Amino acid sequence: MANTKSAEKRVRQIAKRTERNRAAKSRIKTLQKKAVSAASEGNSDEALKTFQEFAKAVDKATKRNIFQENKAANLKRRTNKAIKPA
């Protein structure tokens, strides 16, 4: 448990950031699943649109240091490869 006021504040800040980061990661996972499922159903327009939204969300998360640059690149590459045949 935090002993000082500043430590208590840090605990509150970390909790806020953790929640924000968790929400961003969850949104990215959902968009990735949407894009891949749309591609597997043969709906290439929907898959492309969702992939663009997914890539934008990943780039924003990278900018806010939720993901490292290489992780973001791998996520986008793998998702793009999965929807490419559609």
PDB file of N, CA and C in Angstrom:
ATOM      1  N   MET A   1       0.842  -1.188   0.000  1.00  0.00           N
ATOM      2  CA  MET A   1       0.000   0.000   0.000  1.00  0.00           C
ATOM      3  C   MET A   1       0.878   1.239   0.000  1.00  0.00           C
ATOM      4  N   ALA A   2       0.392   2.302  -0.609  1.00  0.00           N
ATOM      5  CA  ALA A   2       1.148   3.545  -0.712  1.00  0.00           C
ATOM      6  C   ALA A   2       1.252   4.222   0.653  1.00  0.00           C
ATOM      7  N   ASN A   3       2.434   4.737   0.941  1.00  0.00           N
ATOM      8  CA  ASN A   3       2.665   5.364   2.238  1.00  0.00           C
ATOM      9  C   ASN A   3       2.573   6.880   2.193  1.00  0.00           C
ATOM     10  N   THR A   4       2.884   7.473   1.059  1.00  0.00           N
ATOM     11  CA  THR A   4       2.899   8.935   0.974  1.00  0.00           C
ATOM     12  C   THR A   4       1.796   9.419   0.048  1.00  0.00           C
ATOM     13  N   LYS A   5       1.537  10.724   0.149  1.00  0.00           N
ATOM     14  CA  LYS A   5       0.509  11.314  -0.716  1.00  0.00           C
ATOM     15  C   LYS A   5       0.865  11.155  -2.184  1.00  0.00           C
ATOM     16  N   SER A   6       2.135  11.379  -2.502  1.00  0.00           N
ATOM     17  CA  SER A   6       2.559  11.291  -3.901  1.00  0.00           C
ATOM     18  C   SER A   6       2.445   9.854  -4.415  1.00  0.00           C
ATOM     19  N   ALA A   7       2.713   8.889  -3.537  1.00  0.00           N
ATOM     20  CA  ALA A   7       2.595   7.490  -3.945  1.00  0.00           C
ATOM     21  C   ALA A   7       1.129   7.126  -4.174  1.00  0.00           C
ATOM     22  N   GLU A   8       0.243   7.668  -3.343  1.00  0.00           N
ATOM     23  CA  GLU A   8      -1.187   7.425  -3.527  1.00  0.00           C
ATOM     24  C   GLU A   8      -1.668   8.020  -4.854  1.00  0.00           C
ATOM     25  N   LYS A   9      -1.151   9.206  -5.173  1.00  0.00           N
ATOM     26  CA  LYS A   9      -1.514   9.848  -6.443  1.00  0.00           C
ATOM     27  C   LYS A   9      -1.021   9.007  -7.621  1.00  0.00           C
ATOM     28  N   ARG A  10       0.192   8.482  -7.516  1.00  0.00           N
ATOM     29  CA  ARG A  10       0.738   7.649  -8.579  1.00  0.00           C
ATOM     30  C   ARG A  10      -0.121   6.398  -8.785  1.00  0.00           C
ATOM     31  N   VAL A  11      -0.619   5.828  -7.699  1.00  0.00           N
ATOM     32  CA  VAL A  11      -1.480   4.653  -7.801  1.00  0.00           C
ATOM     33  C   VAL A  11      -2.750   5.000  -8.570  1.00  0.00           C
ATOM     34  N   ARG A  12      -3.333   6.183  -8.269  1.00  0.00           N
ATOM     35  CA  ARG A  12      -4.531   6.615  -8.987  1.00  0.00           C
ATOM     36  C   ARG A  12      -4.230   6.841 -10.463  1.00  0.00           C
ATOM     37  N   GLN A  13      -3.100   7.473 -10.756  1.00  0.00           N
ATOM     38  CA  GLN A  13      -2.730   7.748 -12.154  1.00  0.00           C
ATOM     39  C   GLN A  13      -2.521   6.446 -12.929  1.00  0.00           C
ATOM     40  N   ILE A  14      -1.844   5.508 -12.303  1.00  0.00           N
ATOM     41  CA  ILE A  14      -1.579   4.220 -12.957  1.00  0.00           C
ATOM     42  C   ILE A  14      -2.884   3.492 -13.249  1.00  0.00           C
ATOM     43  N   ALA A  15      -3.831   3.556 -12.309  1.00  0.00           N
ATOM     44  CA  ALA A  15      -5.123   2.892 -12.522  1.00  0.00           C
ATOM     45  C   ALA A  15      -5.854   3.502 -13.714  1.00  0.00           C
ATOM     46  N   LYS A  16      -5.825   4.827 -13.832  1.00  0.00           N
ATOM     47  CA  LYS A  16      -6.466   5.505 -14.970  1.00  0.00           C
ATOM     48  C   LYS A  16      -5.818   5.093 -16.281  1.00  0.00           C
ATOM     49  N   ARG A  17      -4.497   5.123 -16.303  1.00  0.00           N
ATOM     50  CA  ARG A  17      -3.769   4.791 -17.529  1.00  0.00           C
ATOM     51  C   ARG A  17      -3.985   3.339 -17.929  1.00  0.00           C
ATOM     52  N   THR A  18      -3.993   2.459 -16.936  1.00  0.00           N
ATOM     53  CA  THR A  18      -4.207   1.039 -17.216  1.00  0.00           C
ATOM     54  C   THR A  18      -5.564   0.820 -17.854  1.00  0.00           C
ATOM     55  N   GLU A  19      -6.580   1.467 -17.311  1.00  0.00           N
ATOM     56  CA  GLU A  19      -7.935   1.340 -17.850  1.00  0.00           C
ATOM     57  C   GLU A  19      -8.007   1.870 -19.282  1.00  0.00           C
ATOM     58  N   ARG A  20      -7.375   3.024 -19.519  1.00  0.00           N
ATOM     59  CA  ARG A  20      -7.365   3.626 -20.851  1.00  0.00           C
ATOM     60  C   ARG A  20      -6.642   2.733 -21.850  1.00  0.00           C
ATOM     61  N   ASN A  21      -5.498   2.193 -21.436  1.00  0.00           N
ATOM     62  CA  ASN A  21      -4.726   1.316 -22.325  1.00  0.00           C
ATOM     63  C   ASN A  21      -5.479   0.023 -22.609  1.00  0.00           C
ATOM     64  N   ARG A  22      -6.149  -0.508 -21.591  1.00  0.00           N
ATOM     65  CA  ARG A  22      -6.905  -1.746 -21.769  1.00  0.00           C
ATOM     66  C   ARG A  22      -8.040  -1.540 -22.762  1.00  0.00           C
ATOM     67  N   ALA A  23      -8.708  -0.390 -22.672  1.00  0.00           N
ATOM     68  CA  ALA A  23      -9.806  -0.091 -23.598  1.00  0.00           C
ATOM     69  C   ALA A  23      -9.291   0.025 -25.031  1.00  0.00           C
ATOM     70  N   ALA A  24      -8.144   0.685 -25.199  1.00  0.00           N
ATOM     71  CA  ALA A  24      -7.572   0.850 -26.540  1.00  0.00           C
ATOM     72  C   ALA A  24      -7.182  -0.499 -27.133  1.00  0.00           C
ATOM     73  N   LYS A  25      -6.552  -1.343 -26.339  1.00  0.00           N
ATOM     74  CA  LYS A  25      -6.147  -2.668 -26.821  1.00  0.00           C
ATOM     75  C   LYS A  25      -7.358  -3.520 -27.178  1.00  0.00           C
ATOM     76  N   SER A  26      -8.396  -3.426 -26.367  1.00  0.00           N
ATOM     77  CA  SER A  26      -9.610  -4.194 -26.627  1.00  0.00           C
ATOM     78  C   SER A  26     -10.256  -3.757 -27.934  1.00  0.00           C
ATOM     79  N   ARG A  27     -10.308  -2.451 -28.162  1.00  0.00           N
ATOM     80  CA  ARG A  27     -10.883  -1.917 -29.407  1.00  0.00           C
ATOM     81  C   ARG A  27     -10.092  -2.408 -30.615  1.00  0.00           C
ATOM     82  N   ILE A  28      -8.785  -2.421 -30.491  1.00  0.00           N
ATOM     83  CA  ILE A  28      -7.923  -2.858 -31.591  1.00  0.00           C
ATOM     84  C   ILE A  28      -8.159  -4.342 -31.891  1.00  0.00           C
ATOM     85  N   LYS A  29      -8.262  -5.154 -30.844  1.00  0.00           N
ATOM     86  CA  LYS A  29      -8.522  -6.579 -31.050  1.00  0.00           C
ATOM     87  C   LYS A  29      -9.864  -6.801 -31.740  1.00  0.00           C
ATOM     88  N   THR A  30     -10.873  -6.017 -31.332  1.00  0.00           N
ATOM     89  CA  THR A  30     -12.202  -6.140 -31.928  1.00  0.00           C
ATOM     90  C   THR A  30     -12.169  -5.773 -33.405  1.00  0.00           C
ATOM     91  N   LEU A  31     -11.486  -4.671 -33.731  1.00  0.00           N
ATOM     92  CA  LEU A  31     -11.390  -4.252 -35.134  1.00  0.00           C
ATOM     93  C   LEU A  31     -10.649  -5.286 -35.968  1.00  0.00           C
ATOM     94  N   GLN A  32      -9.622  -5.887 -35.386  1.00  0.00           N
ATOM     95  CA  GLN A  32      -8.859  -6.908 -36.102  1.00  0.00           C
ATOM     96  C   GLN A  32      -9.756  -8.116 -36.413  1.00  0.00           C
ATOM     97  N   LYS A  33     -10.513  -8.550 -35.419  1.00  0.00           N
ATOM     98  CA  LYS A  33     -11.414  -9.679 -35.622  1.00  0.00           C
ATOM     99  C   LYS A  33     -12.476  -9.363 -36.671  1.00  0.00           C
ATOM    100  N   LYS A  34     -13.002  -8.132 -36.635  1.00  0.00           N
ATOM    101  CA  LYS A  34     -14.016  -7.718 -37.615  1.00  0.00           C
ATOM    102  C   LYS A  34     -13.460  -7.785 -39.037  1.00  0.00           C
ATOM    103  N   ALA A  35     -12.244  -7.267 -39.207  1.00  0.00           N
ATOM    104  CA  ALA A  35     -11.632  -7.241 -40.537  1.00  0.00           C
ATOM    105  C   ALA A  35     -11.403  -8.650 -41.061  1.00  0.00           C
ATOM    106  N   VAL A  36     -10.873  -9.519 -40.220  1.00  0.00           N
ATOM    107  CA  VAL A  36     -10.579 -10.887 -40.648  1.00  0.00           C
ATOM    108  C   VAL A  36     -11.869 -11.656 -40.943  1.00  0.00           C
ATOM    109  N   SER A  37     -12.890 -11.463 -40.097  1.00  0.00           N
ATOM    110  CA  SER A  37     -14.145 -12.185 -40.333  1.00  0.00           C
ATOM    111  C   SER A  37     -14.850 -11.677 -41.589  1.00  0.00           C
ATOM    112  N   ALA A  38     -14.774 -10.367 -41.846  1.00  0.00           N
ATOM    113  CA  ALA A  38     -15.374  -9.825 -43.069  1.00  0.00           C
ATOM    114  C   ALA A  38     -14.668 -10.386 -44.297  1.00  0.00           C
ATOM    115  N   ALA A  39     -13.345 -10.533 -44.210  1.00  0.00           N
ATOM    116  CA  ALA A  39     -12.579 -11.080 -45.331  1.00  0.00           C
ATOM    117  C   ALA A  39     -12.916 -12.558 -45.550  1.00  0.00           C
ATOM    118  N   SER A  40     -13.078 -13.294 -44.453  1.00  0.00           N
ATOM    119  CA  SER A  40     -13.377 -14.717 -44.595  1.00  0.00           C
ATOM    120  C   SER A  40     -14.779 -14.946 -45.154  1.00  0.00           C
ATOM    121  N   GLU A  41     -15.673 -13.988 -44.934  1.00  0.00           N
ATOM    122  CA  GLU A  41     -17.017 -14.073 -45.497  1.00  0.00           C
ATOM    123  C   GLU A  41     -17.058 -13.624 -46.952  1.00  0.00           C
ATOM    124  N   GLY A  42     -15.935 -13.068 -47.435  1.00  0.00           N
ATOM    125  CA  GLY A  42     -15.849 -12.624 -48.817  1.00  0.00           C
ATOM    126  C   GLY A  42     -16.256 -11.182 -49.032  1.00  0.00           C
ATOM    127  N   ASN A  43     -16.488 -10.456 -47.978  1.00  0.00           N
ATOM    128  CA  ASN A  43     -16.893  -9.054 -48.063  1.00  0.00           C
ATOM    129  C   ASN A  43     -15.642  -8.177 -48.060  1.00  0.00           C
ATOM    130  N   SER A  44     -14.999  -8.033 -49.224  1.00  0.00           N
ATOM    131  CA  SER A  44     -13.712  -7.350 -49.290  1.00  0.00           C
ATOM    132  C   SER A  44     -13.819  -5.853 -49.017  1.00  0.00           C
ATOM    133  N   ASP A  45     -14.923  -5.219 -49.409  1.00  0.00           N
ATOM    134  CA  ASP A  45     -15.079  -3.787 -49.148  1.00  0.00           C
ATOM    135  C   ASP A  45     -15.133  -3.510 -47.647  1.00  0.00           C
ATOM    136  N   GLU A  46     -15.936  -4.297 -46.955  1.00  0.00           N
ATOM    137  CA  GLU A  46     -16.061  -4.149 -45.500  1.00  0.00           C
ATOM    138  C   GLU A  46     -14.731  -4.464 -44.821  1.00  0.00           C
ATOM    139  N   ALA A  47     -14.031  -5.485 -45.305  1.00  0.00           N
ATOM    140  CA  ALA A  47     -12.744  -5.866 -44.729  1.00  0.00           C
ATOM    141  C   ALA A  47     -11.727  -4.750 -44.899  1.00  0.00           C
ATOM    142  N   LEU A  48     -11.694  -4.143 -46.072  1.00  0.00           N
ATOM    143  CA  LEU A  48     -10.747  -3.054 -46.326  1.00  0.00           C
ATOM    144  C   LEU A  48     -11.056  -1.841 -45.464  1.00  0.00           C
ATOM    145  N   LYS A  49     -12.339  -1.510 -45.361  1.00  0.00           N
ATOM    146  CA  LYS A  49     -12.752  -0.364 -44.550  1.00  0.00           C
ATOM    147  C   LYS A  49     -12.389  -0.585 -43.078  1.00  0.00           C
ATOM    148  N   THR A  50     -12.667  -1.781 -42.582  1.00  0.00           N
ATOM    149  CA  THR A  50     -12.356  -2.102 -41.188  1.00  0.00           C
ATOM    150  C   THR A  50     -10.851  -2.145 -40.964  1.00  0.00           C
ATOM    151  N   PHE A  51     -10.101  -2.650 -41.959  1.00  0.00           N
ATOM    152  CA  PHE A  51      -8.645  -2.691 -41.820  1.00  0.00           C
ATOM    153  C   PHE A  51      -8.071  -1.285 -41.727  1.00  0.00           C
ATOM    154  N   GLN A  52      -8.597  -0.350 -42.505  1.00  0.00           N
ATOM    155  CA  GLN A  52      -8.120   1.026 -42.440  1.00  0.00           C
ATOM    156  C   GLN A  52      -8.375   1.629 -41.060  1.00  0.00           C
ATOM    157  N   GLU A  53      -9.546   1.352 -40.518  1.00  0.00           N
ATOM    158  CA  GLU A  53      -9.884   1.829 -39.174  1.00  0.00           C
ATOM    159  C   GLU A  53      -8.965   1.175 -38.133  1.00  0.00           C
ATOM    160  N   PHE A  54      -8.700  -0.120 -38.328  1.00  0.00           N
ATOM    161  CA  PHE A  54      -7.799  -0.872 -37.446  1.00  0.00           C
ATOM    162  C   PHE A  54      -6.394  -0.285 -37.483  1.00  0.00           C
ATOM    163  N   ALA A  55      -5.887  -0.026 -38.680  1.00  0.00           N
ATOM    164  CA  ALA A  55      -4.531   0.517 -38.822  1.00  0.00           C
ATOM    165  C   ALA A  55      -4.421   1.892 -38.174  1.00  0.00           C
ATOM    166  N   LYS A  56      -5.455   2.696 -38.324  1.00  0.00           N
ATOM    167  CA  LYS A  56      -5.467   4.024 -37.708  1.00  0.00           C
ATOM    168  C   LYS A  56      -5.421   3.910 -36.180  1.00  0.00           C
ATOM    169  N   ALA A  57      -6.206   2.983 -35.634  1.00  0.00           N
ATOM    170  CA  ALA A  57      -6.236   2.790 -34.182  1.00  0.00           C
ATOM    171  C   ALA A  57      -4.888   2.285 -33.673  1.00  0.00           C
ATOM    172  N   VAL A  58      -4.258   1.383 -34.422  1.00  0.00           N
ATOM    173  CA  VAL A  58      -2.949   0.858 -34.025  1.00  0.00           C
ATOM    174  C   VAL A  58      -1.907   1.982 -34.046  1.00  0.00           C
ATOM    175  N   ASP A  59      -1.945   2.820 -35.078  1.00  0.00           N
ATOM    176  CA  ASP A  59      -0.991   3.924 -35.165  1.00  0.00           C
ATOM    177  C   ASP A  59      -1.168   4.911 -34.011  1.00  0.00           C
ATOM    178  N   LYS A  60      -2.414   5.186 -33.657  1.00  0.00           N
ATOM    179  CA  LYS A  60      -2.669   6.085 -32.524  1.00  0.00           C
ATOM    180  C   LYS A  60      -2.166   5.476 -31.220  1.00  0.00           C
ATOM    181  N   ALA A  61      -2.385   4.174 -31.048  1.00  0.00           N
ATOM    182  CA  ALA A  61      -1.926   3.492 -29.844  1.00  0.00           C
ATOM    183  C   ALA A  61      -0.398   3.505 -29.766  1.00  0.00           C
ATOM    184  N   THR A  62       0.250   3.363 -30.911  1.00  0.00           N
ATOM    185  CA  THR A  62       1.703   3.415 -30.954  1.00  0.00           C
ATOM    186  C   THR A  62       2.201   4.808 -30.591  1.00  0.00           C
ATOM    187  N   LYS A  63       1.515   5.806 -31.077  1.00  0.00           N
ATOM    188  CA  LYS A  63       1.881   7.191 -30.785  1.00  0.00           C
ATOM    189  C   LYS A  63       1.785   7.476 -29.282  1.00  0.00           C
ATOM    190  N   ARG A  64       0.810   6.826 -28.618  1.00  0.00           N
ATOM    191  CA  ARG A  64       0.621   7.027 -27.182  1.00  0.00           C
ATOM    192  C   ARG A  64       1.379   5.994 -26.351  1.00  0.00           C
ATOM    193  N   ASN A  65       2.301   5.265 -26.987  1.00  0.00           N
ATOM    194  CA  ASN A  65       3.165   4.275 -26.327  1.00  0.00           C
ATOM    195  C   ASN A  65       2.398   3.124 -25.681  1.00  0.00           C
ATOM    196  N   ILE A  66       1.264   2.757 -26.247  1.00  0.00           N
ATOM    197  CA  ILE A  66       0.553   1.574 -25.788  1.00  0.00           C
ATOM    198  C   ILE A  66       1.196   0.339 -26.418  1.00  0.00           C
ATOM    199  N   PHE A  67       1.601   0.476 -27.684  1.00  0.00           N
ATOM    200  CA  PHE A  67       2.344  -0.568 -28.389  1.00  0.00           C
ATOM    201  C   PHE A  67       3.695  -0.017 -28.812  1.00  0.00           C
ATOM    202  N   GLN A  68       4.684  -0.918 -28.910  1.00  0.00           N
ATOM    203  CA  GLN A  68       5.955  -0.528 -29.511  1.00  0.00           C
ATOM    204  C   GLN A  68       5.781  -0.533 -31.026  1.00  0.00           C
ATOM    205  N   GLU A  69       6.676   0.160 -31.716  1.00  0.00           N
ATOM    206  CA  GLU A  69       6.542   0.294 -33.172  1.00  0.00           C
ATOM    207  C   GLU A  69       6.580  -1.046 -33.886  1.00  0.00           C
ATOM    208  N   ASN A  70       7.465  -1.947 -33.453  1.00  0.00           N
ATOM    209  CA  ASN A  70       7.561  -3.256 -34.111  1.00  0.00           C
ATOM    210  C   ASN A  70       6.311  -4.088 -33.891  1.00  0.00           C
ATOM    211  N   LYS A  71       5.745  -4.012 -32.698  1.00  0.00           N
ATOM    212  CA  LYS A  71       4.506  -4.738 -32.396  1.00  0.00           C
ATOM    213  C   LYS A  71       3.382  -4.229 -33.294  1.00  0.00           C
ATOM    214  N   ALA A  72       3.305  -2.910 -33.462  1.00  0.00           N
ATOM    215  CA  ALA A  72       2.274  -2.312 -34.313  1.00  0.00           C
ATOM    216  C   ALA A  72       2.448  -2.761 -35.757  1.00  0.00           C
ATOM    217  N   ALA A  73       3.685  -2.758 -36.225  1.00  0.00           N
ATOM    218  CA  ALA A  73       3.958  -3.172 -37.598  1.00  0.00           C
ATOM    219  C   ALA A  73       3.574  -4.635 -37.803  1.00  0.00           C
ATOM    220  N   ASN A  74       3.888  -5.484 -36.826  1.00  0.00           N
ATOM    221  CA  ASN A  74       3.541  -6.907 -36.931  1.00  0.00           C
ATOM    222  C   ASN A  74       2.037  -7.117 -36.922  1.00  0.00           C
ATOM    223  N   LEU A  75       1.320  -6.373 -36.078  1.00  0.00           N
ATOM    224  CA  LEU A  75      -0.143  -6.481 -36.043  1.00  0.00           C
ATOM    225  C   LEU A  75      -0.744  -6.121 -37.401  1.00  0.00           C
ATOM    226  N   LYS A  76      -0.300  -5.009 -37.954  1.00  0.00           N
ATOM    227  CA  LYS A  76      -0.837  -4.556 -39.244  1.00  0.00           C
ATOM    228  C   LYS A  76      -0.471  -5.532 -40.363  1.00  0.00           C
ATOM    229  N   ARG A  77       0.764  -6.014 -40.344  1.00  0.00           N
ATOM    230  CA  ARG A  77       1.212  -6.934 -41.389  1.00  0.00           C
ATOM    231  C   ARG A  77       0.420  -8.231 -41.349  1.00  0.00           C
ATOM    232  N   ARG A  78       0.262  -8.805 -40.153  1.00  0.00           N
ATOM    233  CA  ARG A  78      -0.465 -10.065 -40.027  1.00  0.00           C
ATOM    234  C   ARG A  78      -1.935  -9.922 -40.425  1.00  0.00           C
ATOM    235  N   THR A  79      -2.534  -8.819 -40.011  1.00  0.00           N
ATOM    236  CA  THR A  79      -3.949  -8.601 -40.357  1.00  0.00           C
ATOM    237  C   THR A  79      -4.115  -8.387 -41.859  1.00  0.00           C
ATOM    238  N   ASN A  80      -3.219  -7.609 -42.438  1.00  0.00           N
ATOM    239  CA  ASN A  80      -3.274  -7.354 -43.880  1.00  0.00           C
ATOM    240  C   ASN A  80      -3.101  -8.659 -44.662  1.00  0.00           C
ATOM    241  N   LYS A  81      -2.185  -9.499 -44.203  1.00  0.00           N
ATOM    242  CA  LYS A  81      -1.950 -10.783 -44.858  1.00  0.00           C
ATOM    243  C   LYS A  81      -3.194 -11.675 -44.768  1.00  0.00           C
ATOM    244  N   ALA A  82      -3.901 -11.585 -43.638  1.00  0.00           N
ATOM    245  CA  ALA A  82      -5.089 -12.422 -43.435  1.00  0.00           C
ATOM    246  C   ALA A  82      -6.248 -11.979 -44.323  1.00  0.00           C
ATOM    247  N   ILE A  83      -6.349 -10.673 -44.604  1.00  0.00           N
ATOM    248  CA  ILE A  83      -7.481 -10.196 -45.401  1.00  0.00           C
ATOM    249  C   ILE A  83      -7.139 -10.085 -46.884  1.00  0.00           C
ATOM    250  N   LYS A  84      -5.862 -10.214 -47.233  1.00  0.00           N
ATOM    251  CA  LYS A  84      -5.426 -10.026 -48.620  1.00  0.00           C
ATOM    252  C   LYS A  84      -6.117 -10.962 -49.621  1.00  0.00           C
ATOM    253  N   PRO A  85      -6.243 -12.258 -49.338  1.00  0.00           N
ATOM    254  CA  PRO A  85      -6.865 -13.141 -50.337  1.00  0.00           C
ATOM    255  C   PRO A  85      -8.323 -12.807 -50.672  1.00  0.00           C
ATOM    256  N   ALA A  86      -9.006 -12.112 -49.772  1.00  0.00           N
ATOM    257  CA  ALA A  86     -10.431 -11.825 -50.003  1.00  0.00           C
ATOM    258  C   ALA A  86     -10.649 -10.772 -51.057  1.00  0.00           C
TER     259      ALA A  86
END
